[in-house]
């Protein structure tokens, strides 16, 4: 099968998981739900990260017991493997379009004001298809190169905004209702579990299971903590009453930095640098969905499937982020209940026993 996975090391795997964890944690949430009754976004991020790591460790343990190298091999040991693969593919598609949709709204509202979302998406489709068709090795090695630049841009944005931080904006922290925080962390599982799910789909390209497990731990923990720090800084910059009405809170934070320091024109430059990281993250998810689709449905070439998956992702992004009452309600439902696509199939796969093959008549 021409899946174009290639081979790569632990550093490259950890780099793409780190970037995906950060962009998923900071650009894939619904402001109205996350900041609706208080400011505990950074706590929700940490709890969701812990839950996703536990699920990841369970899958790696099952791979070691059953002798598989990636998630597709684990799904192949269960009956009705296509039924298990479809919700996971859909979860990866949604995880890919959520950060891109956030940047799509930001770019069309604050940068290219006169442009339509369809026009911007026409530029995104070739980028997504090219990276997805080139394969995992291209994506993860590009992430390894861009990681220092992106981390420096994030650090610069946070450090330049120190003058805007006020501790009183953290309140109220809804600690009187810990069950609500736990439920929010469950809803956030899709954006924290998707990087580890994608890594499990391309585990064949890593050196071995131990390297994949180590890269997943390092990347998820580092990216999750970085996202929690960024969310904490966002909570120090704006009160929750303003955050729940902001479509692009992190870009607004960059604008506040520019207002305080007019000589630092960071907003546009950092925005497009982060957009590049979001495109790379989406390509990582789309390629993982392509591999899972090819292995589950016996497709031998990944390139036509990559074009199909990229086109579906762009179409879904246009449909979901079209500003209408129906699409807004559907998008809010996906933010709240998207975790079901990951947290239900994977435990069922782990509970399934390996299929036994009957001996043929000649051997009897």
Protein backbone atom coordinates (compact mmCIF):
# COMPACT_ATOMS: atom_id res chain seq x y z
CA UNK A 1 0.00 0.00 0.00
CA UNK A 2 1.27 3.44 -0.96
CA UNK A 3 0.42 5.28 2.26
CA UNK A 4 3.51 7.55 2.22
CA UNK A 5 4.07 7.23 5.97
CA UNK A 6 7.87 7.13 5.87
CA UNK A 7 10.00 6.93 9.00
CA UNK A 8 10.69 9.59 11.62
CA UNK A 9 12.05 9.85 15.11
CA UNK A 10 10.79 10.75 18.54
CA UNK A 11 11.64 14.46 18.26
CA UNK A 12 9.59 14.90 15.10
CA UNK A 13 6.65 12.98 16.58
CA UNK A 14 6.76 15.00 19.80
CA UNK A 15 6.97 18.26 17.82
CA UNK A 16 3.79 17.66 15.80
CA UNK A 17 1.89 16.43 18.88
CA UNK A 18 3.00 19.54 20.79
CA UNK A 19 1.84 21.89 18.05
CA UNK A 20 -1.45 20.05 17.61
CA UNK A 21 -2.07 20.07 21.38
CA UNK A 22 -1.41 23.80 21.60
CA UNK A 23 -3.53 24.83 18.62
CA UNK A 24 -6.28 22.47 19.65
CA UNK A 25 -6.32 23.81 23.20
CA UNK A 26 -6.23 27.51 22.25
CA UNK A 27 -8.20 27.74 19.02
CA UNK A 28 -10.76 24.92 19.17
CA UNK A 29 -13.12 25.98 21.95
CA UNK A 30 -16.51 27.64 22.07
CA UNK A 31 -16.15 30.90 24.01
CA UNK A 32 -19.80 31.00 25.05
CA UNK A 33 -19.64 27.55 26.63
CA UNK A 34 -16.14 27.77 28.11
CA UNK A 35 -16.54 31.24 29.66
CA UNK A 36 -20.29 31.18 30.15
CA UNK A 37 -20.37 31.13 33.96
CA UNK A 38 -16.81 31.87 35.04
CA UNK A 39 -13.17 31.64 34.18
CA UNK A 40 -11.77 28.14 34.62
CA UNK A 41 -10.53 27.50 31.08
CA UNK A 42 -6.98 26.66 32.14
CA UNK A 43 -8.24 24.16 34.73
CA UNK A 44 -10.49 22.55 32.11
CA UNK A 45 -7.50 22.21 29.78
CA UNK A 46 -5.38 20.42 32.40
CA UNK A 47 -8.17 18.01 33.39
CA UNK A 48 -8.91 17.17 29.75
CA UNK A 49 -5.19 16.55 29.17
CA UNK A 50 -5.07 14.06 32.04
CA UNK A 51 -8.11 12.18 30.73
CA UNK A 52 -6.64 12.00 27.22
CA UNK A 53 -3.29 10.73 28.50
CA UNK A 54 -5.04 7.94 30.40
CA UNK A 55 -6.87 6.90 27.24
CA UNK A 56 -3.62 7.03 25.25
CA UNK A 57 -1.80 4.85 27.79
CA UNK A 58 -4.63 2.30 27.64
CA UNK A 59 -4.35 2.08 23.84
CA UNK A 60 -0.56 1.70 23.97
CA UNK A 61 -0.93 -1.05 26.57
CA UNK A 62 -3.42 -2.85 24.30
CA UNK A 63 -1.00 -2.55 21.38
CA UNK A 64 1.75 -4.11 23.45
CA UNK A 65 -0.49 -6.98 24.55
CA UNK A 66 -1.91 -7.70 21.10
CA UNK A 67 1.30 -7.07 19.18
CA UNK A 68 0.19 -4.14 17.01
CA UNK A 69 2.09 -1.09 15.84
CA UNK A 70 -0.70 1.42 15.32
CA UNK A 71 -4.39 2.00 15.93
CA UNK A 72 -5.40 0.46 12.60
CA UNK A 73 -3.86 -2.86 13.64
CA UNK A 74 -5.82 -2.69 16.88
CA UNK A 75 -9.08 -1.96 15.06
CA UNK A 76 -8.37 -4.81 12.66
CA UNK A 77 -8.46 -7.33 15.50
CA UNK A 78 -12.10 -6.50 16.24
CA UNK A 79 -15.21 -7.30 14.28
CA UNK A 80 -16.99 -4.53 12.41
CA UNK A 81 -13.75 -2.59 12.05
CA UNK A 82 -15.34 -0.16 9.58
CA UNK A 83 -17.99 0.76 12.13
CA UNK A 84 -15.25 1.58 14.64
CA UNK A 85 -13.15 3.49 12.10
CA UNK A 86 -15.87 5.84 10.84
CA UNK A 87 -16.43 7.83 14.09
CA UNK A 88 -12.67 8.13 14.61
CA UNK A 89 -12.22 9.46 11.06
CA UNK A 90 -15.04 11.94 11.67
CA UNK A 91 -13.41 12.99 14.96
CA UNK A 92 -10.13 13.71 13.16
CA UNK A 93 -11.98 15.72 10.50
CA UNK A 94 -13.71 17.84 13.14
CA UNK A 95 -10.46 18.30 15.06
CA UNK A 96 -8.83 19.52 11.82
CA UNK A 97 -11.46 22.10 10.92
CA UNK A 98 -11.96 23.58 14.39
CA UNK A 99 -8.68 25.59 14.61
CA UNK A 100 -8.80 26.40 10.89
CA UNK A 101 -12.39 27.61 11.27
CA UNK A 102 -11.34 29.87 14.12
CA UNK A 103 -8.61 31.41 11.97
CA UNK A 104 -11.03 31.65 9.05
CA UNK A 105 -13.36 33.80 11.15
CA UNK A 106 -10.44 35.91 12.41
CA UNK A 107 -8.96 36.54 8.97
CA UNK A 108 -12.28 37.46 7.34
CA UNK A 109 -13.38 39.72 10.21
CA UNK A 110 -10.14 41.55 11.06
CA UNK A 111 -7.71 41.28 8.13
CA UNK A 112 -9.42 40.67 4.78
CA UNK A 113 -12.64 42.41 5.69
CA UNK A 114 -14.04 42.54 2.16
CA UNK A 115 -13.21 38.89 1.37
CA UNK A 116 -15.66 36.05 1.71
CA UNK A 117 -14.99 32.82 3.53
CA UNK A 118 -15.30 30.82 0.30
CA UNK A 119 -12.46 32.81 -1.25
CA UNK A 120 -10.15 32.21 1.71
CA UNK A 121 -11.00 28.49 1.74
CA UNK A 122 -9.99 28.20 -1.92
CA UNK A 123 -6.47 29.11 -0.83
CA UNK A 124 -6.54 26.65 2.07
CA UNK A 125 -7.56 23.61 0.02
CA UNK A 126 -4.31 23.32 -2.05
CA UNK A 127 -2.19 23.73 1.08
CA UNK A 128 -4.08 21.03 2.94
CA UNK A 129 -4.09 18.62 0.01
CA UNK A 130 -0.38 19.10 -0.76
CA UNK A 131 0.76 18.49 2.82
CA UNK A 132 -1.63 15.57 3.29
CA UNK A 133 -0.58 13.94 0.01
CA UNK A 134 3.13 14.31 0.76
CA UNK A 135 2.72 12.09 3.81
CA UNK A 136 3.55 11.89 7.49
CA UNK A 137 7.30 12.31 7.18
CA UNK A 138 6.95 15.68 5.46
CA UNK A 139 4.42 16.91 8.02
CA UNK A 140 6.32 15.89 11.15
CA UNK A 141 9.70 17.09 9.90
CA UNK A 142 8.20 20.45 8.95
CA UNK A 143 6.73 20.66 12.44
CA UNK A 144 10.16 19.98 13.91
CA UNK A 145 11.58 22.92 11.91
CA UNK A 146 8.77 25.36 12.70
CA UNK A 147 8.42 24.45 16.38
CA UNK A 148 11.08 26.88 17.77
CA UNK A 149 9.70 29.79 15.71
CA UNK A 150 6.12 29.16 16.79
CA UNK A 151 7.06 28.73 20.45
CA UNK A 152 9.06 31.99 20.34
CA UNK A 153 6.10 33.82 18.78
CA UNK A 154 3.80 32.50 21.51
CA UNK A 155 6.26 33.49 24.23
CA UNK A 156 6.73 36.95 22.70
CA UNK A 157 2.97 37.52 22.53
CA UNK A 158 2.53 36.51 26.17
CA UNK A 159 5.51 38.51 27.46
CA UNK A 160 4.53 41.65 25.57
CA UNK A 161 1.08 41.46 27.12
CA UNK A 162 2.30 41.48 30.73
CA UNK A 163 1.23 45.10 31.14
CA UNK A 164 -2.39 44.15 30.42
CA UNK A 165 -2.60 41.37 33.02
CA UNK A 166 -4.88 41.94 36.00
CA UNK A 167 -5.47 39.23 38.60
CA UNK A 168 -9.01 40.37 39.43
CA UNK A 169 -10.09 39.32 35.93
CA UNK A 170 -9.61 35.68 36.89
CA UNK A 171 -12.75 35.78 39.01
CA UNK A 172 -15.19 34.25 39.37
CA UNK A 173 -13.56 30.82 39.28
CA UNK A 174 -16.49 28.37 39.54
CA UNK A 175 -14.88 26.15 42.17
CA UNK A 176 -18.20 25.84 43.96
CA UNK A 177 -19.36 23.58 41.11
CA UNK A 178 -16.52 21.10 40.43
CA UNK A 179 -18.88 18.79 38.56
CA UNK A 180 -19.42 21.47 35.92
CA UNK A 181 -15.64 21.85 35.47
CA UNK A 182 -15.33 18.09 35.11
CA UNK A 183 -18.10 18.05 32.48
CA UNK A 184 -16.38 20.85 30.57
CA UNK A 185 -13.14 18.88 30.62
CA UNK A 186 -15.03 15.91 29.17
CA UNK A 187 -16.31 18.13 26.36
CA UNK A 188 -12.71 19.28 25.76
CA UNK A 189 -11.45 15.73 25.24
CA UNK A 190 -11.76 15.94 21.47
CA UNK A 191 -9.25 18.78 21.22
CA UNK A 192 -6.81 17.19 23.69
CA UNK A 193 -7.16 13.58 22.54
CA UNK A 194 -7.02 14.26 18.79
CA UNK A 195 -3.20 14.76 18.65
CA UNK A 196 -2.62 11.45 20.42
CA UNK A 197 -5.23 9.73 18.25
CA UNK A 198 -3.50 10.98 15.10
CA UNK A 199 -0.13 9.79 16.42
CA UNK A 200 -1.59 6.35 17.07
CA UNK A 201 -2.85 6.24 13.47
CA UNK A 202 0.65 6.82 12.06
CA UNK A 203 2.47 4.74 14.67
CA UNK A 204 3.88 2.55 11.91
CA UNK A 205 6.28 5.36 10.98
CA UNK A 206 7.75 5.76 14.45
CA UNK A 207 10.72 3.70 15.52
CA UNK A 208 8.75 1.44 17.86
CA UNK A 209 5.93 1.52 20.39
CA UNK A 210 8.17 2.89 23.14
CA UNK A 211 9.25 5.80 20.93
CA UNK A 212 5.63 6.51 20.01
CA UNK A 213 4.57 6.36 23.65
CA UNK A 214 7.38 8.64 24.78
CA UNK A 215 6.73 11.15 21.97
CA UNK A 216 3.02 11.19 22.78
CA UNK A 217 3.65 11.86 26.45
CA UNK A 218 6.21 14.61 25.85
CA UNK A 219 4.27 16.36 23.11
CA UNK A 220 0.86 16.18 24.79
CA UNK A 221 2.12 17.33 28.20
CA UNK A 222 4.26 20.16 26.80
CA UNK A 223 1.58 21.33 24.37
CA UNK A 224 -1.20 21.00 26.94
CA UNK A 225 0.72 22.98 29.56
CA UNK A 226 1.61 25.66 26.99
CA UNK A 227 -2.08 25.92 26.04
CA UNK A 228 -3.06 26.14 29.73
CA UNK A 229 -0.53 28.97 30.25
CA UNK A 230 -1.89 30.82 27.21
CA UNK A 231 -5.47 30.40 28.45
CA UNK A 232 -4.40 31.63 31.88
CA UNK A 233 -2.83 34.71 30.26
CA UNK A 234 -6.02 35.25 28.28
CA UNK A 235 -8.01 35.12 31.51
CA UNK A 236 -5.72 37.79 32.98
CA UNK A 237 -6.26 40.03 29.96
CA UNK A 238 -10.07 40.00 29.67
CA UNK A 239 -12.90 39.31 32.14
CA UNK A 240 -15.12 36.35 31.42
CA UNK A 241 -18.05 38.61 30.53
CA UNK A 242 -16.09 39.86 27.51
CA UNK A 243 -14.47 36.54 26.65
CA UNK A 244 -17.74 34.69 26.21
CA UNK A 245 -18.74 37.16 23.48
CA UNK A 246 -15.40 37.16 21.60
CA UNK A 247 -15.11 35.09 18.42
CA UNK A 248 -11.28 35.44 18.31
CA UNK A 249 -9.98 36.12 21.84
CA UNK A 250 -6.30 35.45 21.16
CA UNK A 251 -6.18 37.87 18.25
CA UNK A 252 -7.88 40.46 20.46
CA UNK A 253 -5.09 39.88 22.97
CA UNK A 254 -2.54 40.63 20.24
CA UNK A 255 -4.43 43.82 19.38
CA UNK A 256 -4.29 44.88 23.04
CA UNK A 257 -0.53 44.36 23.00
CA UNK A 258 -0.24 46.59 19.93
CA UNK A 259 -2.42 49.26 21.56
CA UNK A 260 -0.10 49.43 24.56
CA UNK A 261 3.13 49.23 22.49
CA UNK A 262 2.49 50.85 19.07
CA UNK A 263 6.04 50.06 17.94
CA UNK A 264 5.37 46.31 18.28
CA UNK A 265 3.40 45.42 15.16
CA UNK A 266 2.97 41.82 16.22
CA UNK A 267 -0.68 41.20 15.53
CA UNK A 268 -0.68 40.55 11.77
CA UNK A 269 2.72 38.84 11.64
CA UNK A 270 1.98 36.50 14.55
CA UNK A 271 -1.52 35.82 13.22
CA UNK A 272 -0.25 34.49 9.89
CA UNK A 273 2.53 32.58 11.59
CA UNK A 274 -0.07 30.88 13.79
CA UNK A 275 -2.22 30.29 10.71
CA UNK A 276 0.69 28.32 9.23
CA UNK A 277 0.84 26.23 12.39
CA UNK A 278 -2.91 25.63 12.23
CA UNK A 279 -2.62 24.46 8.59
CA UNK A 280 0.17 22.07 9.59
CA UNK A 281 -1.93 20.77 12.49
CA UNK A 282 -4.96 20.27 10.24
CA UNK A 283 -2.80 18.43 7.70
CA UNK A 284 -1.59 16.12 10.47
CA UNK A 285 -5.16 15.25 11.40
CA UNK A 286 -6.27 14.86 7.79
CA UNK A 287 -3.36 12.58 6.97
CA UNK A 288 -4.12 10.43 10.03
CA UNK A 289 -7.76 10.23 8.88
CA UNK A 290 -6.54 9.28 5.40
CA UNK A 291 -4.38 6.45 6.74
CA UNK A 292 -7.18 5.15 8.93
CA UNK A 293 -9.58 5.30 5.98
CA UNK A 294 -7.18 3.49 3.63
CA UNK A 295 -6.39 0.70 6.09
CA UNK A 296 -10.00 0.22 7.16
CA UNK A 297 -11.51 0.24 3.66
CA UNK A 298 -8.59 -1.44 1.83
CA UNK A 299 -7.62 1.56 -0.31
CA UNK A 300 -4.11 1.03 -1.65
CA UNK A 301 -3.12 4.61 -2.56
CA UNK A 302 -3.33 7.46 -0.06
CA UNK A 303 -3.20 10.33 -2.56
CA UNK A 304 -6.77 10.11 -3.94
CA UNK A 305 -8.01 9.59 -0.38
CA UNK A 306 -6.03 12.66 0.72
CA UNK A 307 -7.79 14.78 -1.91
CA UNK A 308 -11.15 13.39 -0.80
CA UNK A 309 -10.50 14.02 2.89
CA UNK A 310 -9.15 17.54 2.27
CA UNK A 311 -12.17 18.45 0.16
CA UNK A 312 -14.57 17.12 2.79
CA UNK A 313 -12.76 19.08 5.52
CA UNK A 314 -12.93 22.37 3.61
CA UNK A 315 -16.60 21.79 2.76
CA UNK A 316 -17.43 21.03 6.39
CA UNK A 317 -15.57 24.16 7.47
CA UNK A 318 -17.60 26.30 5.09
CA UNK A 319 -20.86 24.71 6.24
CA UNK A 320 -20.17 24.84 9.97
CA UNK A 321 -18.68 28.33 10.10
CA UNK A 322 -21.29 29.92 7.87
CA UNK A 323 -22.88 32.59 10.03
CA UNK A 324 -26.45 31.35 10.46
CA UNK A 325 -28.53 30.27 13.42
CA UNK A 326 -28.62 26.61 12.36
CA UNK A 327 -24.87 26.29 11.77
CA UNK A 328 -24.02 28.08 15.00
CA UNK A 329 -26.23 25.65 16.93
CA UNK A 330 -24.66 22.67 15.13
CA UNK A 331 -21.15 23.95 15.84
CA UNK A 332 -21.96 24.43 19.51
CA UNK A 333 -23.32 20.88 19.66
CA UNK A 334 -20.09 19.52 18.15
CA UNK A 335 -17.98 21.47 20.64
CA UNK A 336 -20.02 20.05 23.50
CA UNK A 337 -20.52 16.46 22.34
CA UNK A 338 -17.63 15.79 19.96
CA UNK A 339 -15.84 13.81 22.67
CA UNK A 340 -18.29 10.94 22.07
CA UNK A 341 -16.60 10.23 18.73
CA UNK A 342 -13.37 9.33 20.55
CA UNK A 343 -14.29 8.30 24.08
CA UNK A 344 -16.89 5.72 23.04
CA UNK A 345 -15.26 3.78 20.13
CA UNK A 346 -11.80 3.41 21.68
CA UNK A 347 -12.95 1.73 24.94
CA UNK A 348 -15.15 -0.58 22.87
CA UNK A 349 -12.15 -1.48 20.71
CA UNK A 350 -10.10 -2.20 23.82
CA UNK A 351 -12.83 -4.47 25.17
CA UNK A 352 -13.11 -6.45 21.96
CA UNK A 353 -11.18 -9.68 21.89
CA UNK A 354 -9.03 -10.70 19.00
CA UNK A 355 -10.90 -12.62 16.35
CA UNK A 356 -10.14 -16.29 16.26
CA UNK A 357 -9.55 -17.91 12.90
CA UNK A 358 -11.00 -21.35 12.36
CA UNK A 359 -8.57 -24.03 11.20
CA UNK A 360 -9.04 -25.16 7.64
CA UNK A 361 -10.25 -28.64 6.78
CA UNK A 362 -6.82 -29.74 5.50
CA UNK A 363 -5.17 -28.96 8.81
CA UNK A 364 -7.88 -30.88 10.65
